[in-house]
């Protein structure tokens, strides 16, 4: 291990077992997932293992996003799910977020979309990022 705390030998062993390169097919994806699982099953990772895991996770995510993109969930469906998961009514959500009840009703009935401010309020209340509502994270 070097003075920086990074174990180069461990990292080289991981890269030798499964090189960090773009994933191009399902077979390569399966190998990558097996490696991810083996690393995630460890009680504690070294810095080299964590760095390798971070990069491999990015490669898997990039491949999966390109081959099987996840469609954004409509505002009405997301809002309904979040309310049901908390067991709350539309009125309770309006009071908690300061969003007018008629606005929430229109969103739930697919008559309007949430705006930036409303997404920010809902994301903050439910402890989510604005991206959960299909809105870019940079909403500031």
C-alpha atoms as a PDB file:
ATOM      1  CA  UNK A   1       0.000   0.000   0.000  1.00  0.00           C
ATOM      2  CA  UNK A   2       1.308   3.444  -0.866  1.00  0.00           C
ATOM      3  CA  UNK A   3       1.642   6.474   1.360  1.00  0.00           C
ATOM      4  CA  UNK A   4      -1.725   7.768   0.074  1.00  0.00           C
ATOM      5  CA  UNK A   5      -3.584   4.743   1.459  1.00  0.00           C
ATOM      6  CA  UNK A   6      -4.428   3.460  -2.004  1.00  0.00           C
ATOM      7  CA  UNK A   7      -3.632  -0.217  -2.530  1.00  0.00           C
ATOM      8  CA  UNK A   8      -2.477  -0.349  -6.162  1.00  0.00           C
ATOM      9  CA  UNK A   9      -2.099  -4.137  -6.107  1.00  0.00           C
ATOM     10  CA  UNK A  10      -5.747  -4.637  -5.126  1.00  0.00           C
ATOM     11  CA  UNK A  11      -6.868  -2.189  -7.790  1.00  0.00           C
ATOM     12  CA  UNK A  12      -4.768  -3.909 -10.473  1.00  0.00           C
ATOM     13  CA  UNK A  13      -6.225  -7.291  -9.437  1.00  0.00           C
ATOM     14  CA  UNK A  14      -9.745  -5.937  -9.885  1.00  0.00           C
ATOM     15  CA  UNK A  15      -8.964  -4.331 -13.244  1.00  0.00           C
ATOM     16  CA  UNK A  16      -7.280  -7.549 -14.388  1.00  0.00           C
ATOM     17  CA  UNK A  17     -10.356  -9.590 -13.372  1.00  0.00           C
ATOM     18  CA  UNK A  18     -12.734  -7.153 -15.094  1.00  0.00           C
ATOM     19  CA  UNK A  19     -11.240  -4.211 -16.996  1.00  0.00           C
ATOM     20  CA  UNK A  20     -12.933  -0.846 -16.612  1.00  0.00           C
ATOM     21  CA  UNK A  21     -14.150  -0.206 -20.137  1.00  0.00           C
ATOM     22  CA  UNK A  22     -17.489   0.608 -21.760  1.00  0.00           C
ATOM     23  CA  UNK A  23     -20.071  -2.160 -21.489  1.00  0.00           C
ATOM     24  CA  UNK A  24     -21.325  -3.131 -24.944  1.00  0.00           C
ATOM     25  CA  UNK A  25     -23.633  -6.124 -24.483  1.00  0.00           C
ATOM     26  CA  UNK A  26     -25.633  -8.194 -22.020  1.00  0.00           C
ATOM     27  CA  UNK A  27     -22.826 -10.673 -21.398  1.00  0.00           C
ATOM     28  CA  UNK A  28     -20.464  -7.874 -20.362  1.00  0.00           C
ATOM     29  CA  UNK A  29     -23.244  -6.367 -18.229  1.00  0.00           C
ATOM     30  CA  UNK A  30     -23.744  -9.674 -16.411  1.00  0.00           C
ATOM     31  CA  UNK A  31     -20.011  -9.926 -15.675  1.00  0.00           C
ATOM     32  CA  UNK A  32     -20.012  -6.354 -14.375  1.00  0.00           C
ATOM     33  CA  UNK A  33     -23.020  -7.011 -12.149  1.00  0.00           C
ATOM     34  CA  UNK A  34     -21.358 -10.128 -10.718  1.00  0.00           C
ATOM     35  CA  UNK A  35     -18.313  -8.029  -9.863  1.00  0.00           C
ATOM     36  CA  UNK A  36     -20.490  -5.314  -8.313  1.00  0.00           C
ATOM     37  CA  UNK A  37     -22.288  -7.914  -6.217  1.00  0.00           C
ATOM     38  CA  UNK A  38     -19.026  -9.437  -5.024  1.00  0.00           C
ATOM     39  CA  UNK A  39     -17.759  -6.027  -3.928  1.00  0.00           C
ATOM     40  CA  UNK A  40     -21.031  -5.027  -2.298  1.00  0.00           C
ATOM     41  CA  UNK A  41     -21.093  -8.273  -0.320  1.00  0.00           C
ATOM     42  CA  UNK A  42     -17.866  -7.320   1.458  1.00  0.00           C
ATOM     43  CA  UNK A  43     -18.211  -5.916   4.953  1.00  0.00           C
ATOM     44  CA  UNK A  44     -15.733  -3.104   4.294  1.00  0.00           C
ATOM     45  CA  UNK A  45     -14.047  -1.899   1.126  1.00  0.00           C
ATOM     46  CA  UNK A  46     -10.549  -0.540   0.789  1.00  0.00           C
ATOM     47  CA  UNK A  47     -10.116   2.771  -0.970  1.00  0.00           C
ATOM     48  CA  UNK A  48      -8.988   0.932  -4.114  1.00  0.00           C
ATOM     49  CA  UNK A  49     -12.044  -1.311  -4.029  1.00  0.00           C
ATOM     50  CA  UNK A  50     -14.359   1.652  -3.461  1.00  0.00           C
ATOM     51  CA  UNK A  51     -12.803   3.592  -6.344  1.00  0.00           C
ATOM     52  CA  UNK A  52     -13.156   0.576  -8.632  1.00  0.00           C
ATOM     53  CA  UNK A  53     -16.765   0.079  -7.478  1.00  0.00           C
ATOM     54  CA  UNK A  54     -17.598   3.735  -8.181  1.00  0.00           C
ATOM     55  CA  UNK A  55     -16.279   3.592 -11.744  1.00  0.00           C
ATOM     56  CA  UNK A  56     -17.840   0.209 -12.511  1.00  0.00           C
ATOM     57  CA  UNK A  57     -21.195   1.443 -11.181  1.00  0.00           C
ATOM     58  CA  UNK A  58     -20.989   4.431 -13.542  1.00  0.00           C
ATOM     59  CA  UNK A  59     -20.264   2.129 -16.485  1.00  0.00           C
ATOM     60  CA  UNK A  60     -23.206  -0.139 -15.649  1.00  0.00           C
ATOM     61  CA  UNK A  61     -25.515   2.839 -15.205  1.00  0.00           C
ATOM     62  CA  UNK A  62     -24.426   4.344 -18.529  1.00  0.00           C
ATOM     63  CA  UNK A  63     -25.082   1.062 -20.366  1.00  0.00           C
ATOM     64  CA  UNK A  64     -28.463   0.539 -18.698  1.00  0.00           C
ATOM     65  CA  UNK A  65     -29.561   4.114 -19.395  1.00  0.00           C
ATOM     66  CA  UNK A  66     -28.616   3.737 -23.060  1.00  0.00           C
ATOM     67  CA  UNK A  67     -30.225   0.320 -23.570  1.00  0.00           C
ATOM     68  CA  UNK A  68     -33.235   0.553 -21.272  1.00  0.00           C
ATOM     69  CA  UNK A  69     -33.960   4.189 -20.430  1.00  0.00           C
ATOM     70  CA  UNK A  70     -36.440   4.827 -17.647  1.00  0.00           C
ATOM     71  CA  UNK A  71     -39.309   7.037 -18.696  1.00  0.00           C
ATOM     72  CA  UNK A  72     -40.136   9.877 -16.332  1.00  0.00           C
ATOM     73  CA  UNK A  73     -43.206   9.290 -14.174  1.00  0.00           C
ATOM     74  CA  UNK A  74     -46.027  11.779 -14.801  1.00  0.00           C
ATOM     75  CA  UNK A  75     -46.499  14.364 -12.035  1.00  0.00           C
ATOM     76  CA  UNK A  76     -49.965  12.990 -11.174  1.00  0.00           C
ATOM     77  CA  UNK A  77     -48.685   9.445 -10.690  1.00  0.00           C
ATOM     78  CA  UNK A  78     -45.693  10.517  -8.607  1.00  0.00           C
ATOM     79  CA  UNK A  79     -47.784  12.807  -6.433  1.00  0.00           C
ATOM     80  CA  UNK A  80     -50.461  10.139  -5.899  1.00  0.00           C
ATOM     81  CA  UNK A  81     -47.826   7.541  -4.986  1.00  0.00           C
ATOM     82  CA  UNK A  82     -46.120   9.860  -2.496  1.00  0.00           C
ATOM     83  CA  UNK A  83     -49.401  10.826  -0.848  1.00  0.00           C
ATOM     84  CA  UNK A  84     -50.526   7.192  -0.582  1.00  0.00           C
ATOM     85  CA  UNK A  85     -47.162   6.083   0.798  1.00  0.00           C
ATOM     86  CA  UNK A  86     -47.535   8.617   3.608  1.00  0.00           C
ATOM     87  CA  UNK A  87     -51.249   7.934   4.048  1.00  0.00           C
ATOM     88  CA  UNK A  88     -52.064  11.600   3.596  1.00  0.00           C
ATOM     89  CA  UNK A  89     -54.896  13.484   1.961  1.00  0.00           C
ATOM     90  CA  UNK A  90     -54.667  16.190  -0.628  1.00  0.00           C
ATOM     91  CA  UNK A  91     -55.719  18.722   2.014  1.00  0.00           C
ATOM     92  CA  UNK A  92     -52.963  17.593   4.374  1.00  0.00           C
ATOM     93  CA  UNK A  93     -50.375  17.908   1.605  1.00  0.00           C
ATOM     94  CA  UNK A  94     -51.622  21.377   0.716  1.00  0.00           C
ATOM     95  CA  UNK A  95     -51.305  22.482   4.342  1.00  0.00           C
ATOM     96  CA  UNK A  96     -47.846  20.917   4.709  1.00  0.00           C
ATOM     97  CA  UNK A  97     -46.368  22.391   1.516  1.00  0.00           C
ATOM     98  CA  UNK A  98     -48.276  25.638   1.068  1.00  0.00           C
ATOM     99  CA  UNK A  99     -49.393  24.532  -2.403  1.00  0.00           C
ATOM    100  CA  UNK A 100     -53.015  25.478  -3.007  1.00  0.00           C
ATOM    101  CA  UNK A 101     -55.385  22.505  -2.805  1.00  0.00           C
ATOM    102  CA  UNK A 102     -56.973  23.326  -6.182  1.00  0.00           C
ATOM    103  CA  UNK A 103     -53.522  23.197  -7.782  1.00  0.00           C
ATOM    104  CA  UNK A 104     -52.873  19.764  -6.299  1.00  0.00           C
ATOM    105  CA  UNK A 105     -56.278  18.626  -7.524  1.00  0.00           C
ATOM    106  CA  UNK A 106     -55.552  19.851 -11.065  1.00  0.00           C
ATOM    107  CA  UNK A 107     -52.208  18.031 -11.062  1.00  0.00           C
ATOM    108  CA  UNK A 108     -53.781  14.822  -9.760  1.00  0.00           C
ATOM    109  CA  UNK A 109     -56.435  15.040 -12.495  1.00  0.00           C
ATOM    110  CA  UNK A 110     -53.756  15.663 -15.141  1.00  0.00           C
ATOM    111  CA  UNK A 111     -55.083  19.109 -15.976  1.00  0.00           C
ATOM    112  CA  UNK A 112     -51.803  20.856 -15.181  1.00  0.00           C
ATOM    113  CA  UNK A 113     -48.134  20.161 -14.495  1.00  0.00           C
ATOM    114  CA  UNK A 114     -46.129  21.083 -11.442  1.00  0.00           C
ATOM    115  CA  UNK A 115     -43.987  24.205 -11.790  1.00  0.00           C
ATOM    116  CA  UNK A 116     -40.455  24.701 -10.495  1.00  0.00           C
ATOM    117  CA  UNK A 117     -41.527  26.168  -7.155  1.00  0.00           C
ATOM    118  CA  UNK A 118     -44.073  23.418  -6.504  1.00  0.00           C
ATOM    119  CA  UNK A 119     -41.558  20.707  -7.395  1.00  0.00           C
ATOM    120  CA  UNK A 120     -39.083  22.281  -4.981  1.00  0.00           C
ATOM    121  CA  UNK A 121     -41.654  22.354  -2.188  1.00  0.00           C
ATOM    122  CA  UNK A 122     -42.765  18.763  -2.781  1.00  0.00           C
ATOM    123  CA  UNK A 123     -39.222  17.466  -3.134  1.00  0.00           C
ATOM    124  CA  UNK A 124     -38.250  19.176   0.116  1.00  0.00           C
ATOM    125  CA  UNK A 125     -41.302  17.907   1.961  1.00  0.00           C
ATOM    126  CA  UNK A 126     -40.873  14.305   0.814  1.00  0.00           C
ATOM    127  CA  UNK A 127     -37.071  14.355   1.153  1.00  0.00           C
ATOM    128  CA  UNK A 128     -36.434  13.795  -2.570  1.00  0.00           C
ATOM    129  CA  UNK A 129     -34.430  15.501  -5.252  1.00  0.00           C
ATOM    130  CA  UNK A 130     -36.367  17.503  -7.849  1.00  0.00           C
ATOM    131  CA  UNK A 131     -35.289  14.839 -10.356  1.00  0.00           C
ATOM    132  CA  UNK A 132     -37.878  12.496  -8.786  1.00  0.00           C
ATOM    133  CA  UNK A 133     -40.452  14.657 -10.559  1.00  0.00           C
ATOM    134  CA  UNK A 134     -38.639  14.475 -13.877  1.00  0.00           C
ATOM    135  CA  UNK A 135     -37.109  17.889 -13.285  1.00  0.00           C
ATOM    136  CA  UNK A 136     -33.361  18.496 -13.519  1.00  0.00           C
ATOM    137  CA  UNK A 137     -31.550  18.611 -10.185  1.00  0.00           C
ATOM    138  CA  UNK A 138     -30.221  22.107 -10.832  1.00  0.00           C
ATOM    139  CA  UNK A 139     -33.389  23.959  -9.862  1.00  0.00           C
ATOM    140  CA  UNK A 140     -31.718  26.741  -7.927  1.00  0.00           C
END
